[in-house]
Amino acid sequence: MSRGIWFVAGAGAGVYAMAKARRAAESLTPDGLRDRWAGLVLGAQLFGEEVRTGQREKESELRTRLGLDRPGGPPEIGTSAPPHDLLEATQSTPSIPSTQSTTTEPEIS
């Protein structure tokens, strides 16, 4: 009984080794190398597309967070205009009355 088990195990190992050897030999043929190169190029293209998509998403997120995608575009460098949020805050506050009186009082001499 044990000889039969060892015979089947040896036959299975031989079939497995032959299949692996055939695959290795096929991968080293010109067609096999061409297929491997095409797979590598396709993988690099897919990776590049994923990186560019991620860059666009992150840039869009940052532009939204920094307020650079508002209508009218970003403020020019060197202008003295206040940021958008401060401009809205100053427009919504009531005006402060001036301390100078507009009426003239007679002077006492």
N, C-alpha and C. Protein backbone atom coordinates (compact mmCIF):
# COMPACT_ATOMS: atom_id res chain seq x y z
N MET A 1 0.81 -1.18 0.00
CA MET A 1 0.00 0.00 0.00
C MET A 1 0.86 1.26 0.00
N SER A 2 1.92 1.30 0.80
CA SER A 2 2.72 2.50 0.88
C SER A 2 3.50 2.76 -0.42
N ARG A 3 3.84 1.69 -1.17
CA ARG A 3 4.52 1.89 -2.45
C ARG A 3 3.62 2.61 -3.45
N GLY A 4 2.35 2.29 -3.43
CA GLY A 4 1.39 2.95 -4.32
C GLY A 4 1.25 4.43 -4.01
N ILE A 5 1.23 4.77 -2.71
CA ILE A 5 1.12 6.18 -2.30
C ILE A 5 2.36 6.94 -2.75
N TRP A 6 3.54 6.36 -2.56
CA TRP A 6 4.77 7.03 -2.97
C TRP A 6 4.85 7.17 -4.50
N PHE A 7 4.31 6.16 -5.21
CA PHE A 7 4.30 6.25 -6.67
C PHE A 7 3.41 7.40 -7.13
N VAL A 8 2.23 7.55 -6.56
CA VAL A 8 1.29 8.63 -6.91
C VAL A 8 1.90 9.98 -6.53
N ALA A 9 2.52 10.09 -5.34
CA ALA A 9 3.15 11.35 -4.91
C ALA A 9 4.28 11.73 -5.87
N GLY A 10 5.09 10.76 -6.28
CA GLY A 10 6.19 11.04 -7.21
C GLY A 10 5.68 11.46 -8.57
N ALA A 11 4.62 10.79 -9.06
CA ALA A 11 4.04 11.15 -10.36
C ALA A 11 3.46 12.56 -10.31
N GLY A 12 2.79 12.89 -9.22
CA GLY A 12 2.23 14.24 -9.06
C GLY A 12 3.31 15.31 -9.03
N ALA A 13 4.40 15.03 -8.31
CA ALA A 13 5.51 15.99 -8.24
C ALA A 13 6.16 16.15 -9.61
N GLY A 14 6.26 15.06 -10.37
CA GLY A 14 6.83 15.14 -11.71
C GLY A 14 5.97 15.97 -12.65
N VAL A 15 4.65 15.78 -12.60
CA VAL A 15 3.73 16.57 -13.44
C VAL A 15 3.82 18.04 -13.06
N TYR A 16 3.85 18.32 -11.77
CA TYR A 16 3.96 19.71 -11.30
C TYR A 16 5.26 20.34 -11.78
N ALA A 17 6.38 19.63 -11.67
CA ALA A 17 7.67 20.16 -12.10
C ALA A 17 7.71 20.39 -13.61
N MET A 18 7.11 19.49 -14.37
CA MET A 18 7.08 19.66 -15.83
C MET A 18 6.24 20.88 -16.22
N ALA A 19 5.11 21.09 -15.55
CA ALA A 19 4.27 22.25 -15.86
C ALA A 19 5.02 23.54 -15.54
N LYS A 20 5.70 23.59 -14.40
CA LYS A 20 6.48 24.79 -14.05
C LYS A 20 7.60 25.03 -15.04
N ALA A 21 8.27 23.98 -15.46
CA ALA A 21 9.37 24.12 -16.43
C ALA A 21 8.85 24.61 -17.77
N ARG A 22 7.70 24.09 -18.20
CA ARG A 22 7.13 24.53 -19.47
C ARG A 22 6.75 26.01 -19.42
N ARG A 23 6.16 26.45 -18.32
CA ARG A 23 5.80 27.87 -18.17
C ARG A 23 7.04 28.76 -18.18
N ALA A 24 8.10 28.33 -17.51
CA ALA A 24 9.34 29.11 -17.49
C ALA A 24 9.95 29.19 -18.87
N ALA A 25 9.92 28.09 -19.63
CA ALA A 25 10.47 28.08 -20.99
C ALA A 25 9.65 28.97 -21.91
N GLU A 26 8.32 28.95 -21.75
CA GLU A 26 7.46 29.79 -22.59
C GLU A 26 7.66 31.27 -22.29
N SER A 27 7.95 31.60 -21.04
CA SER A 27 8.13 33.01 -20.69
C SER A 27 9.43 33.57 -21.25
N LEU A 28 10.37 32.71 -21.60
CA LEU A 28 11.65 33.18 -22.13
C LEU A 28 11.69 33.18 -23.66
N THR A 29 10.60 32.83 -24.31
CA THR A 29 10.54 32.91 -25.78
C THR A 29 10.27 34.36 -26.16
N PRO A 30 10.47 34.74 -27.42
CA PRO A 30 10.19 36.13 -27.83
C PRO A 30 8.74 36.54 -27.58
N ASP A 31 7.81 35.63 -27.86
CA ASP A 31 6.40 35.96 -27.60
C ASP A 31 6.14 36.14 -26.11
N GLY A 32 6.74 35.29 -25.29
CA GLY A 32 6.56 35.39 -23.85
C GLY A 32 7.16 36.68 -23.29
N LEU A 33 8.34 37.05 -23.78
CA LEU A 33 8.96 38.31 -23.34
C LEU A 33 8.14 39.51 -23.80
N ARG A 34 7.59 39.43 -25.02
CA ARG A 34 6.76 40.52 -25.53
C ARG A 34 5.49 40.67 -24.67
N ASP A 35 4.90 39.54 -24.30
CA ASP A 35 3.71 39.59 -23.44
C ASP A 35 4.03 40.18 -22.07
N ARG A 36 5.16 39.78 -21.52
CA ARG A 36 5.56 40.34 -20.22
C ARG A 36 5.81 41.85 -20.32
N TRP A 37 6.45 42.29 -21.40
CA TRP A 37 6.71 43.72 -21.59
C TRP A 37 5.40 44.49 -21.75
N ALA A 38 4.47 43.92 -22.53
CA ALA A 38 3.17 44.58 -22.73
C ALA A 38 2.42 44.70 -21.40
N GLY A 39 2.50 43.66 -20.57
CA GLY A 39 1.88 43.72 -19.26
C GLY A 39 2.51 44.77 -18.36
N LEU A 40 3.82 44.90 -18.45
CA LEU A 40 4.52 45.90 -17.65
C LEU A 40 4.14 47.32 -18.10
N VAL A 41 4.07 47.53 -19.42
CA VAL A 41 3.70 48.84 -19.95
C VAL A 41 2.27 49.19 -19.55
N LEU A 42 1.36 48.24 -19.68
CA LEU A 42 -0.03 48.48 -19.30
C LEU A 42 -0.15 48.80 -17.81
N GLY A 43 0.59 48.08 -16.99
CA GLY A 43 0.58 48.36 -15.56
C GLY A 43 1.10 49.75 -15.25
N ALA A 44 2.14 50.18 -15.95
CA ALA A 44 2.69 51.52 -15.74
C ALA A 44 1.68 52.59 -16.18
N GLN A 45 0.98 52.35 -17.28
CA GLN A 45 -0.03 53.31 -17.74
C GLN A 45 -1.17 53.42 -16.74
N LEU A 46 -1.65 52.29 -16.24
CA LEU A 46 -2.73 52.32 -15.25
C LEU A 46 -2.29 53.01 -13.97
N PHE A 47 -1.06 52.77 -13.55
CA PHE A 47 -0.54 53.43 -12.36
C PHE A 47 -0.46 54.94 -12.58
N GLY A 48 0.02 55.36 -13.75
CA GLY A 48 0.10 56.79 -14.06
C GLY A 48 -1.27 57.45 -14.06
N GLU A 49 -2.28 56.77 -14.62
CA GLU A 49 -3.62 57.33 -14.62
C GLU A 49 -4.16 57.47 -13.20
N GLU A 50 -3.90 56.49 -12.35
CA GLU A 50 -4.35 56.56 -10.96
C GLU A 50 -3.68 57.72 -10.22
N VAL A 51 -2.39 57.92 -10.47
CA VAL A 51 -1.67 59.03 -9.82
C VAL A 51 -2.23 60.36 -10.28
N ARG A 52 -2.46 60.52 -11.59
CA ARG A 52 -3.01 61.78 -12.10
C ARG A 52 -4.42 62.03 -11.56
N THR A 53 -5.23 61.00 -11.46
CA THR A 53 -6.58 61.16 -10.90
C THR A 53 -6.50 61.59 -9.44
N GLY A 54 -5.62 60.97 -8.69
CA GLY A 54 -5.44 61.36 -7.29
C GLY A 54 -4.95 62.79 -7.15
N GLN A 55 -4.05 63.21 -8.04
CA GLN A 55 -3.55 64.59 -7.99
C GLN A 55 -4.68 65.57 -8.26
N ARG A 56 -5.51 65.27 -9.27
CA ARG A 56 -6.63 66.18 -9.59
C ARG A 56 -7.61 66.27 -8.42
N GLU A 57 -7.92 65.14 -7.80
CA GLU A 57 -8.85 65.15 -6.67
C GLU A 57 -8.28 65.94 -5.50
N LYS A 58 -7.01 65.73 -5.19
CA LYS A 58 -6.40 66.43 -4.06
C LYS A 58 -6.30 67.93 -4.35
N GLU A 59 -5.94 68.29 -5.59
CA GLU A 59 -5.85 69.70 -5.93
C GLU A 59 -7.22 70.37 -5.82
N SER A 60 -8.26 69.68 -6.28
CA SER A 60 -9.61 70.22 -6.17
C SER A 60 -10.00 70.41 -4.71
N GLU A 61 -9.67 69.42 -3.88
CA GLU A 61 -9.98 69.53 -2.45
C GLU A 61 -9.24 70.70 -1.81
N LEU A 62 -7.96 70.85 -2.13
CA LEU A 62 -7.18 71.95 -1.57
C LEU A 62 -7.68 73.30 -2.06
N ARG A 63 -8.03 73.40 -3.34
CA ARG A 63 -8.55 74.66 -3.85
C ARG A 63 -9.85 75.03 -3.15
N THR A 64 -10.70 74.04 -2.87
CA THR A 64 -11.94 74.31 -2.16
C THR A 64 -11.65 74.76 -0.74
N ARG A 65 -10.75 74.06 -0.06
CA ARG A 65 -10.42 74.41 1.32
C ARG A 65 -9.79 75.78 1.44
N LEU A 66 -8.99 76.17 0.44
CA LEU A 66 -8.30 77.46 0.50
C LEU A 66 -9.11 78.59 -0.13
N GLY A 67 -10.23 78.26 -0.74
CA GLY A 67 -11.09 79.28 -1.33
C GLY A 67 -10.56 79.81 -2.64
N LEU A 68 -9.80 79.03 -3.38
CA LEU A 68 -9.24 79.52 -4.64
C LEU A 68 -10.15 79.24 -5.83
N ASP A 69 -11.26 78.54 -5.61
CA ASP A 69 -12.14 78.22 -6.73
C ASP A 69 -13.42 79.04 -6.70
N ARG A 70 -13.39 80.16 -6.01
CA ARG A 70 -14.56 81.04 -5.96
C ARG A 70 -14.70 81.79 -7.28
N PRO A 71 -15.92 82.28 -7.57
CA PRO A 71 -16.08 83.10 -8.78
C PRO A 71 -15.21 84.34 -8.68
N GLY A 72 -14.59 84.70 -9.72
CA GLY A 72 -13.69 85.84 -9.72
C GLY A 72 -12.25 85.43 -9.57
N GLY A 73 -12.01 84.17 -9.22
CA GLY A 73 -10.65 83.66 -9.14
C GLY A 73 -9.94 84.07 -7.87
N PRO A 74 -8.71 83.65 -7.74
CA PRO A 74 -7.93 83.98 -6.55
C PRO A 74 -7.49 85.45 -6.59
N PRO A 75 -7.27 86.04 -5.42
CA PRO A 75 -6.79 87.43 -5.40
C PRO A 75 -5.38 87.52 -5.98
N GLU A 76 -5.09 88.62 -6.59
CA GLU A 76 -3.76 88.84 -7.15
C GLU A 76 -2.76 89.06 -6.03
N ILE A 77 -1.55 88.63 -6.25
CA ILE A 77 -0.50 88.80 -5.26
C ILE A 77 -0.12 90.28 -5.22
N GLY A 78 0.00 90.80 -4.02
CA GLY A 78 0.41 92.20 -3.86
C GLY A 78 -0.76 93.16 -3.73
N THR A 79 -1.99 92.70 -3.89
CA THR A 79 -3.13 93.60 -3.70
C THR A 79 -3.42 93.69 -2.22
N SER A 80 -4.03 94.79 -1.82
CA SER A 80 -4.32 94.98 -0.41
C SER A 80 -5.75 94.63 -0.07
N ALA A 81 -6.42 93.90 -0.95
CA ALA A 81 -7.81 93.52 -0.68
C ALA A 81 -7.83 92.49 0.44
N PRO A 82 -8.78 92.65 1.39
CA PRO A 82 -8.86 91.68 2.48
C PRO A 82 -9.36 90.34 1.97
N PRO A 83 -9.09 89.26 2.70
CA PRO A 83 -9.61 87.95 2.30
C PRO A 83 -11.14 87.96 2.24
N HIS A 84 -11.69 87.03 1.53
CA HIS A 84 -13.12 86.97 1.27
C HIS A 84 -13.94 86.94 2.55
N ASP A 85 -13.56 86.11 3.52
CA ASP A 85 -14.32 85.98 4.75
C ASP A 85 -14.29 87.27 5.56
N LEU A 86 -13.15 87.94 5.59
CA LEU A 86 -13.06 89.20 6.32
C LEU A 86 -13.87 90.29 5.64
N LEU A 87 -13.90 90.28 4.33
CA LEU A 87 -14.67 91.26 3.58
C LEU A 87 -16.15 91.12 3.90
N GLU A 88 -16.66 89.91 3.96
CA GLU A 88 -18.06 89.68 4.31
C GLU A 88 -18.33 90.12 5.74
N ALA A 89 -17.41 89.83 6.65
CA ALA A 89 -17.59 90.19 8.05
C ALA A 89 -17.65 91.71 8.22
N THR A 90 -16.84 92.45 7.49
CA THR A 90 -16.84 93.91 7.63
C THR A 90 -18.08 94.51 6.99
N GLN A 91 -18.62 93.90 5.99
CA GLN A 91 -19.82 94.43 5.34
C GLN A 91 -21.06 94.19 6.18
N SER A 92 -21.06 93.19 7.04
CA SER A 92 -22.25 92.87 7.82
C SER A 92 -22.27 93.59 9.17
N THR A 93 -21.18 94.26 9.60
CA THR A 93 -21.17 94.96 10.88
C THR A 93 -21.79 96.34 10.70
N PRO A 94 -22.51 96.80 11.72
CA PRO A 94 -23.10 98.14 11.63
C PRO A 94 -22.00 99.20 11.67
N SER A 95 -22.31 100.32 11.07
CA SER A 95 -21.31 101.40 11.04
C SER A 95 -21.24 102.05 12.42
N ILE A 96 -20.06 102.49 12.78
CA ILE A 96 -19.82 103.12 14.07
C ILE A 96 -19.99 104.62 13.88
N PRO A 97 -20.81 105.26 14.74
CA PRO A 97 -20.98 106.71 14.59
C PRO A 97 -19.67 107.44 14.88
N SER A 98 -19.49 108.53 14.18
CA SER A 98 -18.25 109.28 14.36
C SER A 98 -18.28 110.03 15.69
N THR A 99 -17.12 110.35 16.23
CA THR A 99 -17.02 111.03 17.52
C THR A 99 -17.10 112.55 17.37
N GLN A 100 -17.00 113.06 16.17
CA GLN A 100 -17.08 114.50 15.97
C GLN A 100 -18.53 114.90 15.86
N SER A 101 -18.87 115.98 16.49
CA SER A 101 -20.24 116.49 16.46
C SER A 101 -20.39 117.37 15.23
N THR A 102 -21.54 117.25 14.60
CA THR A 102 -21.77 118.07 13.40
C THR A 102 -22.40 119.41 13.77
N THR A 103 -22.92 119.54 14.97
CA THR A 103 -23.52 120.83 15.37
C THR A 103 -22.44 121.69 16.01
N THR A 104 -22.55 122.95 15.79
CA THR A 104 -21.58 123.88 16.39
C THR A 104 -22.24 124.57 17.58
N GLU A 105 -21.53 124.57 18.67
CA GLU A 105 -22.05 125.23 19.88
C GLU A 105 -21.40 126.60 20.01
N PRO A 106 -22.13 127.55 20.52
CA PRO A 106 -21.53 128.89 20.68
C PRO A 106 -20.44 128.87 21.73
N GLU A 107 -19.43 129.62 21.48
CA GLU A 107 -18.34 129.70 22.42
C GLU A 107 -18.66 130.72 23.51
N ILE A 108 -18.27 130.40 24.72
CA ILE A 108 -18.51 131.32 25.82
C ILE A 108 -17.20 132.06 26.09
N SER A 109 -17.28 133.41 26.08
CA SER A 109 -16.08 134.18 26.34
C SER A 109 -16.22 135.03 27.56
